[in-house]
Amino acid sequence: MRRARFNDKGQVELVSVGGGVVGRATFQPGWKWSDHVKPIAGTDSCQAAHVGYVISGRQRIRMDRRH
Protein backbone atom coordinates (compact mmCIF):
# COMPACT_ATOMS: atom_id res chain seq x y z
CA MET A 1 0.00 0.00 0.00
CA ARG A 2 1.19 3.50 -0.82
CA ARG A 3 0.12 6.49 1.25
CA ALA A 4 0.29 10.20 0.40
CA ARG A 5 -0.44 12.88 3.01
CA PHE A 6 -1.56 16.42 2.17
CA ASN A 7 -0.47 18.37 5.25
CA ASP A 8 -2.84 17.73 8.13
CA LYS A 9 -5.98 18.02 5.98
CA GLY A 10 -6.00 14.78 4.01
CA GLN A 11 -4.44 11.58 2.83
CA VAL A 12 -4.80 9.05 0.03
CA GLU A 13 -4.07 5.33 0.35
CA LEU A 14 -3.48 3.39 -2.87
CA VAL A 15 -3.26 -0.32 -3.58
CA SER A 16 -2.66 -2.07 -6.92
CA VAL A 17 -5.32 -4.61 -7.88
CA GLY A 18 -4.88 -6.54 -11.10
CA GLY A 19 -4.00 -3.98 -13.74
CA GLY A 20 -5.44 -0.98 -11.90
CA VAL A 21 -5.22 1.06 -8.73
CA VAL A 22 -7.86 1.43 -6.02
CA GLY A 23 -7.62 4.28 -3.56
CA ARG A 24 -9.24 5.59 -0.41
CA ALA A 25 -9.08 9.31 0.22
CA THR A 26 -9.80 10.96 3.56
CA PHE A 27 -10.16 14.73 3.64
CA GLN A 28 -10.72 16.99 6.63
CA PRO A 29 -12.89 20.14 6.50
CA GLY A 30 -10.97 22.90 4.76
CA TRP A 31 -9.07 20.59 2.40
CA LYS A 32 -8.80 22.01 -1.12
CA TRP A 33 -6.99 20.52 -4.08
CA SER A 34 -5.75 23.97 -5.09
CA ASP A 35 -4.21 24.56 -1.64
CA HIS A 36 -2.95 21.10 -0.73
CA VAL A 37 -2.13 19.27 -3.99
CA LYS A 38 -1.58 21.92 -6.67
CA PRO A 39 1.83 22.93 -5.26
CA ILE A 40 2.92 19.27 -5.38
CA ALA A 41 1.38 18.46 -8.79
CA GLY A 42 2.48 21.69 -10.47
CA THR A 43 -0.70 21.88 -12.57
CA ASP A 44 -3.79 24.10 -12.29
CA SER A 45 -6.09 21.09 -11.93
CA CYS A 46 -5.90 17.35 -11.40
CA GLN A 47 -4.98 15.62 -14.66
CA ALA A 48 -5.93 12.07 -13.60
CA ALA A 49 -9.20 10.35 -14.47
CA HIS A 50 -11.24 9.33 -11.41
CA VAL A 51 -14.39 7.53 -10.38
CA GLY A 52 -15.39 8.43 -6.86
CA TYR A 53 -17.97 7.75 -4.19
CA VAL A 54 -18.47 9.92 -1.10
CA ILE A 55 -19.25 7.86 2.00
CA SER A 56 -19.68 10.71 4.48
CA GLY A 57 -19.92 14.48 4.19
CA ARG A 58 -19.88 16.51 0.97
CA GLN A 59 -17.37 17.06 -1.78
CA ARG A 60 -17.46 19.88 -4.30
CA ILE A 61 -15.98 19.14 -7.71
CA ARG A 62 -14.90 21.85 -10.14
CA MET A 63 -14.07 20.72 -13.67
CA ASP A 64 -11.88 22.45 -16.25
CA ARG A 65 -13.84 24.09 -19.04
CA ARG A 66 -13.54 22.25 -22.32
CA HIS A 67 -14.56 23.83 -25.60
PDB file of N, CA and C in Angstrom:
ATOM      1  N   MET A   1       0.844  -1.171   0.000  1.00  0.00           N
ATOM      2  CA  MET A   1       0.000   0.000   0.000  1.00  0.00           C
ATOM      3  C   MET A   1       0.895   1.241   0.000  1.00  0.00           C
ATOM      4  N   ARG A   2       0.503   2.204  -0.793  1.00  0.00           N
ATOM      5  CA  ARG A   2       1.190   3.498  -0.820  1.00  0.00           C
ATOM      6  C   ARG A   2       0.295   4.525  -0.153  1.00  0.00           C
ATOM      7  N   ARG A   3       0.894   5.453   0.561  1.00  0.00           N
ATOM      8  CA  ARG A   3       0.119   6.490   1.254  1.00  0.00           C
ATOM      9  C   ARG A   3       0.727   7.853   0.935  1.00  0.00           C
ATOM     10  N   ALA A   4      -0.135   8.820   0.623  1.00  0.00           N
ATOM     11  CA  ALA A   4       0.294  10.200   0.403  1.00  0.00           C
ATOM     12  C   ALA A   4      -0.488  11.090   1.354  1.00  0.00           C
ATOM     13  N   ARG A   5       0.205  11.937   2.086  1.00  0.00           N
ATOM     14  CA  ARG A   5      -0.445  12.878   3.005  1.00  0.00           C
ATOM     15  C   ARG A   5      -0.400  14.276   2.409  1.00  0.00           C
ATOM     16  N   PHE A   6      -1.477  15.035   2.613  1.00  0.00           N
ATOM     17  CA  PHE A   6      -1.560  16.418   2.166  1.00  0.00           C
ATOM     18  C   PHE A   6      -1.661  17.296   3.402  1.00  0.00           C
ATOM     19  N   ASN A   7      -0.513  17.614   3.989  1.00  0.00           N
ATOM     20  CA  ASN A   7      -0.467  18.369   5.246  1.00  0.00           C
ATOM     21  C   ASN A   7      -1.299  17.634   6.287  1.00  0.00           C
ATOM     22  N   ASP A   8      -2.013  18.366   7.105  1.00  0.00           N
ATOM     23  CA  ASP A   8      -2.843  17.733   8.133  1.00  0.00           C
ATOM     24  C   ASP A   8      -4.300  17.627   7.698  1.00  0.00           C
ATOM     25  N   LYS A   9      -4.586  17.956   6.443  1.00  0.00           N
ATOM     26  CA  LYS A   9      -5.976  18.018   5.979  1.00  0.00           C
ATOM     27  C   LYS A   9      -6.432  16.801   5.188  1.00  0.00           C
ATOM     28  N   GLY A  10      -5.532  15.922   4.777  1.00  0.00           N
ATOM     29  CA  GLY A  10      -5.999  14.781   4.007  1.00  0.00           C
ATOM     30  C   GLY A  10      -4.914  13.790   3.681  1.00  0.00           C
ATOM     31  N   GLN A  11      -5.366  12.619   3.257  1.00  0.00           N
ATOM     32  CA  GLN A  11      -4.441  11.576   2.830  1.00  0.00           C
ATOM     33  C   GLN A  11      -5.129  10.677   1.818  1.00  0.00           C
ATOM     34  N   VAL A  12      -4.313  10.014   1.020  1.00  0.00           N
ATOM     35  CA  VAL A  12      -4.799   9.046   0.035  1.00  0.00           C
ATOM     36  C   VAL A  12      -4.000   7.767   0.225  1.00  0.00           C
ATOM     37  N   GLU A  13      -4.694   6.649   0.267  1.00  0.00           N
ATOM     38  CA  GLU A  13      -4.067   5.335   0.353  1.00  0.00           C
ATOM     39  C   GLU A  13      -4.369   4.605  -0.944  1.00  0.00           C
ATOM     40  N   LEU A  14      -3.338   4.045  -1.573  1.00  0.00           N
ATOM     41  CA  LEU A  14      -3.483   3.387  -2.869  1.00  0.00           C
ATOM     42  C   LEU A  14      -2.982   1.956  -2.802  1.00  0.00           C
ATOM     43  N   VAL A  15      -3.684   1.066  -3.483  1.00  0.00           N
ATOM     44  CA  VAL A  15      -3.264  -0.324  -3.579  1.00  0.00           C
ATOM     45  C   VAL A  15      -3.483  -0.788  -5.023  1.00  0.00           C
ATOM     46  N   SER A  16      -2.537  -1.534  -5.561  1.00  0.00           N
ATOM     47  CA  SER A  16      -2.656  -2.073  -6.916  1.00  0.00           C
ATOM     48  C   SER A  16      -3.483  -3.357  -6.874  1.00  0.00           C
ATOM     49  N   VAL A  17      -4.450  -3.437  -7.779  1.00  0.00           N
ATOM     50  CA  VAL A  17      -5.320  -4.612  -7.879  1.00  0.00           C
ATOM     51  C   VAL A  17      -5.403  -4.984  -9.351  1.00  0.00           C
ATOM     52  N   GLY A  18      -4.895  -6.150  -9.694  1.00  0.00           N
ATOM     53  CA  GLY A  18      -4.884  -6.544 -11.101  1.00  0.00           C
ATOM     54  C   GLY A  18      -4.087  -5.535 -11.897  1.00  0.00           C
ATOM     55  N   GLY A  19      -4.679  -4.973 -12.922  1.00  0.00           N
ATOM     56  CA  GLY A  19      -4.001  -3.977 -13.744  1.00  0.00           C
ATOM     57  C   GLY A  19      -4.340  -2.546 -13.381  1.00  0.00           C
ATOM     58  N   GLY A  20      -5.034  -2.332 -12.264  1.00  0.00           N
ATOM     59  CA  GLY A  20      -5.445  -0.980 -11.897  1.00  0.00           C
ATOM     60  C   GLY A  20      -5.056  -0.613 -10.486  1.00  0.00           C
ATOM     61  N   VAL A  21      -5.504   0.549 -10.070  1.00  0.00           N
ATOM     62  CA  VAL A  21      -5.220   1.057  -8.731  1.00  0.00           C
ATOM     63  C   VAL A  21      -6.535   1.447  -8.070  1.00  0.00           C
ATOM     64  N   VAL A  22      -6.692   1.062  -6.812  1.00  0.00           N
ATOM     65  CA  VAL A  22      -7.860   1.434  -6.017  1.00  0.00           C
ATOM     66  C   VAL A  22      -7.357   2.302  -4.878  1.00  0.00           C
ATOM     67  N   GLY A  23      -8.070   3.381  -4.606  1.00  0.00           N
ATOM     68  CA  GLY A  23      -7.622   4.282  -3.556  1.00  0.00           C
ATOM     69  C   GLY A  23      -8.736   4.662  -2.604  1.00  0.00           C
ATOM     70  N   ARG A  24      -8.317   5.039  -1.406  1.00  0.00           N
ATOM     71  CA  ARG A  24      -9.242   5.586  -0.414  1.00  0.00           C
ATOM     72  C   ARG A  24      -8.685   6.935   0.009  1.00  0.00           C
ATOM     73  N   ALA A  25      -9.499   7.967  -0.147  1.00  0.00           N
ATOM     74  CA  ALA A  25      -9.080   9.313   0.222  1.00  0.00           C
ATOM     75  C   ALA A  25      -9.868   9.760   1.450  1.00  0.00           C
ATOM     76  N   THR A  26      -9.181  10.404   2.364  1.00  0.00           N
ATOM     77  CA  THR A  26      -9.803  10.962   3.559  1.00  0.00           C
ATOM     78  C   THR A  26      -9.408  12.425   3.627  1.00  0.00           C
ATOM     79  N   PHE A  27     -10.407  13.297   3.617  1.00  0.00           N
ATOM     80  CA  PHE A  27     -10.162  14.734   3.642  1.00  0.00           C
ATOM     81  C   PHE A  27     -10.853  15.358   4.841  1.00  0.00           C
ATOM     82  N   GLN A  28     -10.166  16.262   5.497  1.00  0.00           N
ATOM     83  CA  GLN A  28     -10.718  16.993   6.633  1.00  0.00           C
ATOM     84  C   GLN A  28     -11.367  18.282   6.125  1.00  0.00           C
ATOM     85  N   PRO A  29     -12.302  18.857   6.899  1.00  0.00           N
ATOM     86  CA  PRO A  29     -12.888  20.143   6.499  1.00  0.00           C
ATOM     87  C   PRO A  29     -11.784  21.171   6.224  1.00  0.00           C
ATOM     88  N   GLY A  30     -11.947  21.894   5.140  1.00  0.00           N
ATOM     89  CA  GLY A  30     -10.969  22.899   4.759  1.00  0.00           C
ATOM     90  C   GLY A  30      -9.975  22.419   3.726  1.00  0.00           C
ATOM     91  N   TRP A  31      -9.982  21.108   3.418  1.00  0.00           N
ATOM     92  CA  TRP A  31      -9.070  20.594   2.400  1.00  0.00           C
ATOM     93  C   TRP A  31      -9.497  21.105   1.037  1.00  0.00           C
ATOM     94  N   LYS A  32      -8.537  21.577   0.245  1.00  0.00           N
ATOM     95  CA  LYS A  32      -8.802  22.015  -1.123  1.00  0.00           C
ATOM     96  C   LYS A  32      -7.668  21.528  -2.005  1.00  0.00           C
ATOM     97  N   TRP A  33      -8.006  20.976  -3.153  1.00  0.00           N
ATOM     98  CA  TRP A  33      -6.987  20.515  -4.083  1.00  0.00           C
ATOM     99  C   TRP A  33      -6.034  21.652  -4.415  1.00  0.00           C
ATOM    100  N   SER A  34      -6.593  22.844  -4.681  1.00  0.00           N
ATOM    101  CA  SER A  34      -5.754  23.970  -5.090  1.00  0.00           C
ATOM    102  C   SER A  34      -4.771  24.393  -4.003  1.00  0.00           C
ATOM    103  N   ASP A  35      -5.110  24.190  -2.742  1.00  0.00           N
ATOM    104  CA  ASP A  35      -4.209  24.557  -1.643  1.00  0.00           C
ATOM    105  C   ASP A  35      -3.253  23.439  -1.253  1.00  0.00           C
ATOM    106  N   HIS A  36      -3.719  22.198  -1.305  1.00  0.00           N
ATOM    107  CA  HIS A  36      -2.954  21.096  -0.732  1.00  0.00           C
ATOM    108  C   HIS A  36      -2.276  20.172  -1.740  1.00  0.00           C
ATOM    109  N   VAL A  37      -2.734  20.166  -2.994  1.00  0.00           N
ATOM    110  CA  VAL A  37      -2.129  19.272  -3.988  1.00  0.00           C
ATOM    111  C   VAL A  37      -1.488  20.050  -5.138  1.00  0.00           C
ATOM    112  N   LYS A  38      -2.101  21.135  -5.548  1.00  0.00           N
ATOM    113  CA  LYS A  38      -1.583  21.922  -6.675  1.00  0.00           C
ATOM    114  C   LYS A  38      -0.088  22.231  -6.543  1.00  0.00           C
ATOM    115  N   PRO A  39       0.397  22.652  -5.368  1.00  0.00           N
ATOM    116  CA  PRO A  39       1.833  22.932  -5.261  1.00  0.00           C
ATOM    117  C   PRO A  39       2.701  21.687  -5.503  1.00  0.00           C
ATOM    118  N   ILE A  40       2.184  20.513  -5.176  1.00  0.00           N
ATOM    119  CA  ILE A  40       2.919  19.270  -5.382  1.00  0.00           C
ATOM    120  C   ILE A  40       2.827  18.839  -6.847  1.00  0.00           C
ATOM    121  N   ALA A  41       1.609  18.924  -7.413  1.00  0.00           N
ATOM    122  CA  ALA A  41       1.376  18.464  -8.791  1.00  0.00           C
ATOM    123  C   ALA A  41       1.963  19.419  -9.829  1.00  0.00           C
ATOM    124  N   GLY A  42       1.959  20.716  -9.526  1.00  0.00           N
ATOM    125  CA  GLY A  42       2.481  21.687 -10.466  1.00  0.00           C
ATOM    126  C   GLY A  42       1.563  21.974 -11.640  1.00  0.00           C
ATOM    127  N   THR A  43       0.282  21.604 -11.524  1.00  0.00           N
ATOM    128  CA  THR A  43      -0.704  21.883 -12.571  1.00  0.00           C
ATOM    129  C   THR A  43      -1.872  22.650 -11.951  1.00  0.00           C
ATOM    130  N   ASP A  44      -2.669  23.319 -12.791  1.00  0.00           N
ATOM    131  CA  ASP A  44      -3.794  24.103 -12.286  1.00  0.00           C
ATOM    132  C   ASP A  44      -4.970  23.244 -11.850  1.00  0.00           C
ATOM    133  N   SER A  45      -5.009  21.999 -12.312  1.00  0.00           N
ATOM    134  CA  SER A  45      -6.094  21.089 -11.931  1.00  0.00           C
ATOM    135  C   SER A  45      -5.560  19.660 -11.971  1.00  0.00           C
ATOM    136  N   CYS A  46      -6.305  18.747 -11.400  1.00  0.00           N
ATOM    137  CA  CYS A  46      -5.904  17.349 -11.401  1.00  0.00           C
ATOM    138  C   CYS A  46      -6.027  16.804 -12.825  1.00  0.00           C
ATOM    139  N   GLN A  47      -5.006  16.132 -13.293  1.00  0.00           N
ATOM    140  CA  GLN A  47      -4.980  15.624 -14.657  1.00  0.00           C
ATOM    141  C   GLN A  47      -5.322  14.138 -14.748  1.00  0.00           C
ATOM    142  N   ALA A  48      -5.620  13.502 -13.623  1.00  0.00           N
ATOM    143  CA  ALA A  48      -5.927  12.069 -13.600  1.00  0.00           C
ATOM    144  C   ALA A  48      -7.436  11.837 -13.729  1.00  0.00           C
ATOM    145  N   ALA A  49      -7.796  10.743 -14.376  1.00  0.00           N
ATOM    146  CA  ALA A  49      -9.205  10.348 -14.472  1.00  0.00           C
ATOM    147  C   ALA A  49      -9.597   9.631 -13.184  1.00  0.00           C
ATOM    148  N   HIS A  50     -10.787   9.920 -12.668  1.00  0.00           N
ATOM    149  CA  HIS A  50     -11.241   9.332 -11.414  1.00  0.00           C
ATOM    150  C   HIS A  50     -12.683   8.852 -11.516  1.00  0.00           C
ATOM    151  N   VAL A  51     -13.009   7.898 -10.699  1.00  0.00           N
ATOM    152  CA  VAL A  51     -14.387   7.534 -10.383  1.00  0.00           C
ATOM    153  C   VAL A  51     -14.434   7.560  -8.870  1.00  0.00           C
ATOM    154  N   GLY A  52     -15.382   8.286  -8.308  1.00  0.00           N
ATOM    155  CA  GLY A  52     -15.390   8.426  -6.858  1.00  0.00           C
ATOM    156  C   GLY A  52     -16.752   8.215  -6.248  1.00  0.00           C
ATOM    157  N   TYR A  53     -16.738   7.954  -4.954  1.00  0.00           N
ATOM    158  CA  TYR A  53     -17.966   7.746  -4.191  1.00  0.00           C
ATOM    159  C   TYR A  53     -17.740   8.359  -2.810  1.00  0.00           C
ATOM    160  N   VAL A  54     -18.602   9.276  -2.408  1.00  0.00           N
ATOM    161  CA  VAL A  54     -18.473   9.925  -1.103  1.00  0.00           C
ATOM    162  C   VAL A  54     -19.274   9.129  -0.085  1.00  0.00           C
ATOM    163  N   ILE A  55     -18.597   8.657   0.957  1.00  0.00           N
ATOM    164  CA  ILE A  55     -19.247   7.858   2.005  1.00  0.00           C
ATOM    165  C   ILE A  55     -19.890   8.761   3.051  1.00  0.00           C
ATOM    166  N   SER A  56     -19.198   9.833   3.417  1.00  0.00           N
ATOM    167  CA  SER A  56     -19.685  10.708   4.480  1.00  0.00           C
ATOM    168  C   SER A  56     -19.304  12.148   4.163  1.00  0.00           C
ATOM    169  N   GLY A  57     -20.199  13.069   4.430  1.00  0.00           N
ATOM    170  CA  GLY A  57     -19.918  14.481   4.185  1.00  0.00           C
ATOM    171  C   GLY A  57     -20.261  14.887   2.766  1.00  0.00           C
ATOM    172  N   ARG A  58     -19.632  15.970   2.316  1.00  0.00           N
ATOM    173  CA  ARG A  58     -19.877  16.505   0.972  1.00  0.00           C
ATOM    174  C   ARG A  58     -18.541  16.776   0.304  1.00  0.00           C
ATOM    175  N   GLN A  59     -18.552  16.717  -1.017  1.00  0.00           N
ATOM    176  CA  GLN A  59     -17.369  17.057  -1.784  1.00  0.00           C
ATOM    177  C   GLN A  59     -17.804  17.874  -2.982  1.00  0.00           C
ATOM    178  N   ARG A  60     -17.179  19.012  -3.161  1.00  0.00           N
ATOM    179  CA  ARG A  60     -17.462  19.876  -4.302  1.00  0.00           C
ATOM    180  C   ARG A  60     -16.414  19.613  -5.374  1.00  0.00           C
ATOM    181  N   ILE A  61     -16.867  19.425  -6.584  1.00  0.00           N
ATOM    182  CA  ILE A  61     -15.983  19.144  -7.715  1.00  0.00           C
ATOM    183  C   ILE A  61     -16.070  20.300  -8.697  1.00  0.00           C
ATOM    184  N   ARG A  62     -14.934  20.814  -9.117  1.00  0.00           N
ATOM    185  CA  ARG A  62     -14.896  21.849 -10.141  1.00  0.00           C
ATOM    186  C   ARG A  62     -14.091  21.316 -11.316  1.00  0.00           C
ATOM    187  N   MET A  63     -14.715  21.259 -12.473  1.00  0.00           N
ATOM    188  CA  MET A  63     -14.071  20.715 -13.673  1.00  0.00           C
ATOM    189  C   MET A  63     -13.464  21.848 -14.495  1.00  0.00           C
ATOM    190  N   ASP A  64     -12.427  21.514 -15.278  1.00  0.00           N
ATOM    191  CA  ASP A  64     -11.883  22.455 -16.251  1.00  0.00           C
ATOM    192  C   ASP A  64     -12.911  22.661 -17.336  1.00  0.00           C
ATOM    193  N   ARG A  65     -12.952  23.839 -17.900  1.00  0.00           N
ATOM    194  CA  ARG A  65     -13.838  24.087 -19.037  1.00  0.00           C
ATOM    195  C   ARG A  65     -13.212  23.487 -20.280  1.00  0.00           C
ATOM    196  N   ARG A  66     -14.022  22.814 -21.052  1.00  0.00           N
ATOM    197  CA  ARG A  66     -13.545  22.251 -22.323  1.00  0.00           C
ATOM    198  C   ARG A  66     -14.434  22.793 -23.421  1.00  0.00           C
ATOM    199  N   HIS A  67     -13.811  23.221 -24.497  1.00  0.00           N
ATOM    200  CA  HIS A  67     -14.564  23.829 -25.600  1.00  0.00           C
ATOM    201  C   HIS A  67     -14.771  22.835 -26.709  1.00  0.00           C
TER     202      HIS A  67
END
